[in-house]
Amino acid sequence: MLRFRKPVWGLIFAALTVALLLVPLPWADRTSIHDEVVIARTPAEVFDYIATPQHWPAWYPASGAVAGATDHPLGPGERVAESFVAGERSAVVIWTVTISQRPRLWAIAGDVPGGRRAGTITYKLTPAMTPSLTPSAESTRFEREFSYQSPTLLFALINRLMLRSRLQSESGEALRRLKARLEAPQAP
């Protein structure tokens, strides 16, 4: 009988560990990733470009394809589906525009299949400051903030160990690409 106690306790411990890792977190574990860049284009030009989903795959590294209303700057309530690749995984997120205040502020909230919130992305655009500390009408200070919540302890651990740094790196690369694309002589 003693031979079976250790395996039973081991199974119980393993089951409890898995349950703890997968149960919804009782507290809010939010992560925010913030990046900014100055782009030598007007706020209206930058706004129209970033709020038009057909451009996303050209400047955001994880964006694979977009479907739905993609050919114009989206307004409040409009939705678009985006296929993305995160690490070795691909998925689809449905983005809904929550704020559109051209040319200063644009925000979207994402949901993944199953109804779980994927996060929110907020873009703030302001005239960039010149060396004499006056606003420049021809340059834009573009800020991007991606906020998301860890639904489970397992997700929170993965986020701390590798996901957050990967997303931070992608966000920085995205802003570098956006700046290069919009400042290129033949920019859209």
C-alpha atoms as a PDB file:
ATOM      1  CA  MET A   1       0.000   0.000   0.000  1.00  0.00           C
ATOM      2  CA  LEU A   2       2.903   2.403   0.662  1.00  0.00           C
ATOM      3  CA  ARG A   3       4.042   1.971  -2.938  1.00  0.00           C
ATOM      4  CA  PHE A   4       0.897   3.696  -4.220  1.00  0.00           C
ATOM      5  CA  ARG A   5       0.894   6.688  -1.835  1.00  0.00           C
ATOM      6  CA  LYS A   6       3.824   8.494  -3.444  1.00  0.00           C
ATOM      7  CA  PRO A   7       2.433   8.307  -7.008  1.00  0.00           C
ATOM      8  CA  VAL A   8      -1.021   9.408  -5.786  1.00  0.00           C
ATOM      9  CA  TRP A   9       0.406  12.413  -3.919  1.00  0.00           C
ATOM     10  CA  GLY A  10       2.546  13.223  -6.939  1.00  0.00           C
ATOM     11  CA  LEU A  11      -0.517  13.198  -9.191  1.00  0.00           C
ATOM     12  CA  ILE A  12      -2.459  15.353  -6.728  1.00  0.00           C
ATOM     13  CA  PHE A  13       0.421  17.831  -6.545  1.00  0.00           C
ATOM     14  CA  ALA A  14       0.720  17.925 -10.351  1.00  0.00           C
ATOM     15  CA  ALA A  15      -3.040  18.470 -10.748  1.00  0.00           C
ATOM     16  CA  LEU A  16      -3.021  21.302  -8.190  1.00  0.00           C
ATOM     17  CA  THR A  17      -0.030  22.930  -9.878  1.00  0.00           C
ATOM     18  CA  VAL A  18      -1.719  22.818 -13.290  1.00  0.00           C
ATOM     19  CA  ALA A  19      -4.954  24.173 -11.791  1.00  0.00           C
ATOM     20  CA  LEU A  20      -3.096  27.067 -10.140  1.00  0.00           C
ATOM     21  CA  LEU A  21      -1.341  27.932 -13.388  1.00  0.00           C
ATOM     22  CA  LEU A  22      -4.547  27.921 -15.442  1.00  0.00           C
ATOM     23  CA  VAL A  23      -7.091  29.446 -13.053  1.00  0.00           C
ATOM     24  CA  PRO A  24      -7.967  33.098 -13.771  1.00  0.00           C
ATOM     25  CA  LEU A  25      -5.881  35.532 -11.739  1.00  0.00           C
ATOM     26  CA  PRO A  26      -7.753  37.135  -8.821  1.00  0.00           C
ATOM     27  CA  TRP A  27      -5.801  40.389  -9.332  1.00  0.00           C
ATOM     28  CA  ALA A  28      -5.149  42.624 -12.320  1.00  0.00           C
ATOM     29  CA  ASP A  29      -1.700  41.955 -13.782  1.00  0.00           C
ATOM     30  CA  ARG A  30      -1.438  44.632 -16.497  1.00  0.00           C
ATOM     31  CA  THR A  31       1.495  45.232 -18.789  1.00  0.00           C
ATOM     32  CA  SER A  32       1.988  48.413 -20.810  1.00  0.00           C
ATOM     33  CA  ILE A  33       4.550  48.788 -23.564  1.00  0.00           C
ATOM     34  CA  HIS A  34       5.257  52.384 -24.551  1.00  0.00           C
ATOM     35  CA  ASP A  35       7.389  53.625 -27.446  1.00  0.00           C
ATOM     36  CA  GLU A  36       7.668  56.934 -29.232  1.00  0.00           C
ATOM     37  CA  VAL A  37       9.368  58.408 -32.268  1.00  0.00           C
ATOM     38  CA  VAL A  38       9.506  61.720 -34.124  1.00  0.00           C
ATOM     39  CA  ILE A  39       8.419  61.439 -37.766  1.00  0.00           C
ATOM     40  CA  ALA A  40       9.044  64.176 -40.335  1.00  0.00           C
ATOM     41  CA  ARG A  41       5.426  64.228 -41.542  1.00  0.00           C
ATOM     42  CA  THR A  42       2.372  66.158 -40.344  1.00  0.00           C
ATOM     43  CA  PRO A  43       0.171  64.642 -37.615  1.00  0.00           C
ATOM     44  CA  ALA A  44      -2.695  64.289 -40.129  1.00  0.00           C
ATOM     45  CA  GLU A  45      -0.513  62.327 -42.577  1.00  0.00           C
ATOM     46  CA  VAL A  46       0.784  60.012 -39.838  1.00  0.00           C
ATOM     47  CA  PHE A  47      -2.723  59.558 -38.406  1.00  0.00           C
ATOM     48  CA  ASP A  48      -4.243  58.621 -41.767  1.00  0.00           C
ATOM     49  CA  TYR A  49      -1.464  56.102 -42.387  1.00  0.00           C
ATOM     50  CA  ILE A  50      -1.530  54.323 -39.009  1.00  0.00           C
ATOM     51  CA  ALA A  51      -5.351  54.295 -38.789  1.00  0.00           C
ATOM     52  CA  THR A  52      -5.614  52.574 -42.199  1.00  0.00           C
ATOM     53  CA  PRO A  53      -5.237  48.824 -41.542  1.00  0.00           C
ATOM     54  CA  GLN A  54      -3.981  47.889 -45.035  1.00  0.00           C
ATOM     55  CA  HIS A  55      -0.690  49.584 -44.050  1.00  0.00           C
ATOM     56  CA  TRP A  56      -0.155  47.600 -40.821  1.00  0.00           C
ATOM     57  CA  PRO A  57       1.712  44.613 -42.352  1.00  0.00           C
ATOM     58  CA  ALA A  58       4.176  47.037 -43.987  1.00  0.00           C
ATOM     59  CA  TRP A  59       5.378  48.480 -40.693  1.00  0.00           C
ATOM     60  CA  TYR A  60       4.388  46.175 -37.826  1.00  0.00           C
ATOM     61  CA  PRO A  61       6.598  43.030 -37.675  1.00  0.00           C
ATOM     62  CA  ALA A  62       3.961  40.648 -36.248  1.00  0.00           C
ATOM     63  CA  SER A  63       1.143  41.721 -38.571  1.00  0.00           C
ATOM     64  CA  GLY A  64       0.564  39.121 -41.260  1.00  0.00           C
ATOM     65  CA  ALA A  65      -2.641  40.219 -42.977  1.00  0.00           C
ATOM     66  CA  VAL A  66      -5.758  42.291 -42.355  1.00  0.00           C
ATOM     67  CA  ALA A  67      -9.346  41.707 -43.473  1.00  0.00           C
ATOM     68  CA  GLY A  68     -12.482  43.790 -43.415  1.00  0.00           C
ATOM     69  CA  ALA A  69     -12.532  47.581 -43.683  1.00  0.00           C
ATOM     70  CA  THR A  70      -8.846  48.128 -44.474  1.00  0.00           C
ATOM     71  CA  ASP A  71      -8.671  50.868 -47.116  1.00  0.00           C
ATOM     72  CA  HIS A  72      -9.409  53.979 -45.039  1.00  0.00           C
ATOM     73  CA  PRO A  73      -8.699  55.429 -41.587  1.00  0.00           C
ATOM     74  CA  LEU A  74     -11.130  53.586 -39.322  1.00  0.00           C
ATOM     75  CA  GLY A  75     -13.623  55.491 -37.178  1.00  0.00           C
ATOM     76  CA  PRO A  76     -15.269  54.634 -33.848  1.00  0.00           C
ATOM     77  CA  GLY A  77     -16.990  51.249 -33.861  1.00  0.00           C
ATOM     78  CA  GLU A  78     -15.363  50.016 -37.076  1.00  0.00           C
ATOM     79  CA  ARG A  79     -13.733  46.589 -36.884  1.00  0.00           C
ATOM     80  CA  VAL A  80     -10.939  44.776 -38.658  1.00  0.00           C
ATOM     81  CA  ALA A  81      -9.480  41.269 -38.360  1.00  0.00           C
ATOM     82  CA  GLU A  82      -5.696  40.982 -38.143  1.00  0.00           C
ATOM     83  CA  SER A  83      -3.707  37.769 -38.520  1.00  0.00           C
ATOM     84  CA  PHE A  84      -0.496  37.987 -36.563  1.00  0.00           C
ATOM     85  CA  VAL A  85       2.480  35.839 -35.643  1.00  0.00           C
ATOM     86  CA  ALA A  86       3.848  35.945 -32.102  1.00  0.00           C
ATOM     87  CA  GLY A  87       6.917  33.778 -31.745  1.00  0.00           C
ATOM     88  CA  GLU A  88       6.006  30.405 -33.202  1.00  0.00           C
ATOM     89  CA  ARG A  89       2.241  30.980 -32.847  1.00  0.00           C
ATOM     90  CA  SER A  90      -0.177  32.609 -35.227  1.00  0.00           C
ATOM     91  CA  ALA A  91      -3.630  33.854 -34.330  1.00  0.00           C
ATOM     92  CA  VAL A  92      -6.347  36.293 -35.325  1.00  0.00           C
ATOM     93  CA  VAL A  93      -7.454  39.298 -33.310  1.00  0.00           C
ATOM     94  CA  ILE A  94     -10.530  41.412 -34.003  1.00  0.00           C
ATOM     95  CA  TRP A  95      -9.743  45.090 -33.423  1.00  0.00           C
ATOM     96  CA  THR A  96     -12.525  47.598 -32.727  1.00  0.00           C
ATOM     97  CA  VAL A  97     -11.857  51.337 -32.867  1.00  0.00           C
ATOM     98  CA  THR A  98     -12.732  52.878 -29.500  1.00  0.00           C
ATOM     99  CA  ILE A  99     -11.386  56.415 -30.055  1.00  0.00           C
ATOM    100  CA  SER A 100     -10.729  58.347 -33.253  1.00  0.00           C
ATOM    101  CA  GLN A 101      -9.861  62.023 -32.842  1.00  0.00           C
ATOM    102  CA  ARG A 102      -8.072  62.920 -36.065  1.00  0.00           C
ATOM    103  CA  PRO A 103      -5.196  63.882 -36.073  1.00  0.00           C
ATOM    104  CA  ARG A 104      -4.361  63.542 -32.361  1.00  0.00           C
ATOM    105  CA  LEU A 105      -5.594  60.256 -30.869  1.00  0.00           C
ATOM    106  CA  TRP A 106      -6.605  56.814 -32.108  1.00  0.00           C
ATOM    107  CA  ALA A 107      -7.270  53.702 -30.008  1.00  0.00           C
ATOM    108  CA  ILE A 108      -8.352  50.128 -30.672  1.00  0.00           C
ATOM    109  CA  ALA A 109      -9.369  47.247 -28.418  1.00  0.00           C
ATOM    110  CA  GLY A 110      -8.726  43.672 -29.501  1.00  0.00           C
ATOM    111  CA  ASP A 111     -10.539  40.417 -28.848  1.00  0.00           C
ATOM    112  CA  VAL A 112      -9.368  36.920 -29.717  1.00  0.00           C
ATOM    113  CA  PRO A 113     -11.693  34.017 -30.564  1.00  0.00           C
ATOM    114  CA  GLY A 114     -13.430  32.854 -27.420  1.00  0.00           C
ATOM    115  CA  GLY A 115     -14.237  36.397 -26.350  1.00  0.00           C
ATOM    116  CA  ARG A 116     -11.038  37.076 -24.394  1.00  0.00           C
ATOM    117  CA  ARG A 117      -9.662  40.618 -24.512  1.00  0.00           C
ATOM    118  CA  ALA A 118      -6.292  40.748 -26.304  1.00  0.00           C
ATOM    119  CA  GLY A 119      -5.431  44.251 -25.175  1.00  0.00           C
ATOM    120  CA  THR A 120      -5.640  47.862 -26.261  1.00  0.00           C
ATOM    121  CA  ILE A 121      -3.422  49.960 -28.487  1.00  0.00           C
ATOM    122  CA  THR A 122      -3.412  53.742 -28.214  1.00  0.00           C
ATOM    123  CA  TYR A 123      -1.681  56.104 -30.621  1.00  0.00           C
ATOM    124  CA  LYS A 124      -1.070  59.720 -29.567  1.00  0.00           C
ATOM    125  CA  LEU A 125       0.144  62.220 -32.135  1.00  0.00           C
ATOM    126  CA  THR A 126       1.371  65.706 -31.283  1.00  0.00           C
ATOM    127  CA  PRO A 127       3.408  68.265 -33.193  1.00  0.00           C
ATOM    128  CA  ALA A 128       7.092  67.615 -32.507  1.00  0.00           C
ATOM    129  CA  MET A 129       9.088  70.319 -30.757  1.00  0.00           C
ATOM    130  CA  THR A 130      11.812  72.195 -32.600  1.00  0.00           C
ATOM    131  CA  PRO A 131      15.194  72.934 -30.978  1.00  0.00           C
ATOM    132  CA  SER A 132      13.775  76.345 -29.984  1.00  0.00           C
ATOM    133  CA  LEU A 133      10.966  74.510 -28.121  1.00  0.00           C
ATOM    134  CA  THR A 134       8.179  75.583 -30.449  1.00  0.00           C
ATOM    135  CA  PRO A 135       5.776  73.063 -32.001  1.00  0.00           C
ATOM    136  CA  SER A 136       6.556  72.070 -35.577  1.00  0.00           C
ATOM    137  CA  ALA A 137       3.595  71.659 -37.908  1.00  0.00           C
ATOM    138  CA  GLU A 138       5.680  69.461 -40.224  1.00  0.00           C
ATOM    139  CA  SER A 139       6.869  66.835 -37.719  1.00  0.00           C
ATOM    140  CA  THR A 140       4.942  64.493 -35.449  1.00  0.00           C
ATOM    141  CA  ARG A 141       5.771  63.037 -32.063  1.00  0.00           C
ATOM    142  CA  PHE A 142       4.135  59.612 -32.357  1.00  0.00           C
ATOM    143  CA  GLU A 143       3.497  57.568 -29.214  1.00  0.00           C
ATOM    144  CA  ARG A 144       2.324  53.953 -29.203  1.00  0.00           C
ATOM    145  CA  GLU A 145       1.104  52.185 -26.081  1.00  0.00           C
ATOM    146  CA  PHE A 146       0.027  48.541 -26.029  1.00  0.00           C
ATOM    147  CA  SER A 147      -1.635  47.408 -22.797  1.00  0.00           C
ATOM    148  CA  TYR A 148      -2.739  43.893 -21.980  1.00  0.00           C
ATOM    149  CA  GLN A 149      -3.684  41.842 -18.953  1.00  0.00           C
ATOM    150  CA  SER A 150      -2.422  38.417 -17.918  1.00  0.00           C
ATOM    151  CA  PRO A 151      -5.491  36.164 -17.637  1.00  0.00           C
ATOM    152  CA  THR A 152      -3.725  33.325 -15.769  1.00  0.00           C
ATOM    153  CA  LEU A 153      -0.665  32.724 -13.629  1.00  0.00           C
ATOM    154  CA  LEU A 154       0.904  30.715 -16.460  1.00  0.00           C
ATOM    155  CA  PHE A 155       0.465  33.650 -18.858  1.00  0.00           C
ATOM    156  CA  ALA A 156       1.881  36.039 -16.232  1.00  0.00           C
ATOM    157  CA  LEU A 157       4.967  33.831 -15.848  1.00  0.00           C
ATOM    158  CA  ILE A 158       5.483  33.518 -19.609  1.00  0.00           C
ATOM    159  CA  ASN A 159       4.980  37.278 -19.916  1.00  0.00           C
ATOM    160  CA  ARG A 160       7.661  37.987 -17.302  1.00  0.00           C
ATOM    161  CA  LEU A 161      10.111  35.436 -18.689  1.00  0.00           C
ATOM    162  CA  MET A 162       9.946  36.222 -22.415  1.00  0.00           C
ATOM    163  CA  LEU A 163       6.749  37.630 -23.922  1.00  0.00           C
ATOM    164  CA  ARG A 164       7.037  41.213 -22.640  1.00  0.00           C
ATOM    165  CA  SER A 165      10.613  41.632 -23.885  1.00  0.00           C
ATOM    166  CA  ARG A 166       9.671  40.186 -27.289  1.00  0.00           C
ATOM    167  CA  LEU A 167       6.686  42.542 -27.593  1.00  0.00           C
ATOM    168  CA  GLN A 168       8.834  45.503 -26.484  1.00  0.00           C
ATOM    169  CA  SER A 169      11.392  44.642 -29.161  1.00  0.00           C
ATOM    170  CA  GLU A 170       8.669  44.302 -31.831  1.00  0.00           C
ATOM    171  CA  SER A 171       7.174  47.647 -30.832  1.00  0.00           C
ATOM    172  CA  GLY A 172      10.522  49.420 -31.137  1.00  0.00           C
ATOM    173  CA  GLU A 173      11.151  47.810 -34.519  1.00  0.00           C
ATOM    174  CA  ALA A 174       7.652  48.792 -35.668  1.00  0.00           C
ATOM    175  CA  LEU A 175       8.265  52.458 -34.905  1.00  0.00           C
ATOM    176  CA  ARG A 176      11.633  52.356 -36.691  1.00  0.00           C
ATOM    177  CA  ARG A 177       9.905  50.860 -39.757  1.00  0.00           C
ATOM    178  CA  LEU A 178       7.042  53.356 -39.573  1.00  0.00           C
ATOM    179  CA  LYS A 179       9.442  56.300 -39.434  1.00  0.00           C
ATOM    180  CA  ALA A 180      11.528  54.960 -42.347  1.00  0.00           C
ATOM    181  CA  ARG A 181       8.448  54.245 -44.436  1.00  0.00           C
ATOM    182  CA  LEU A 182       6.793  57.625 -43.878  1.00  0.00           C
ATOM    183  CA  GLU A 183       9.990  59.625 -44.320  1.00  0.00           C
ATOM    184  CA  ALA A 184      11.002  57.840 -47.536  1.00  0.00           C
ATOM    185  CA  PRO A 185      10.822  60.085 -50.640  1.00  0.00           C
ATOM    186  CA  GLN A 186       8.038  57.978 -52.208  1.00  0.00           C
ATOM    187  CA  ALA A 187       6.111  57.603 -48.921  1.00  0.00           C
ATOM    188  CA  PRO A 188       2.402  56.735 -49.236  1.00  0.00           C
END
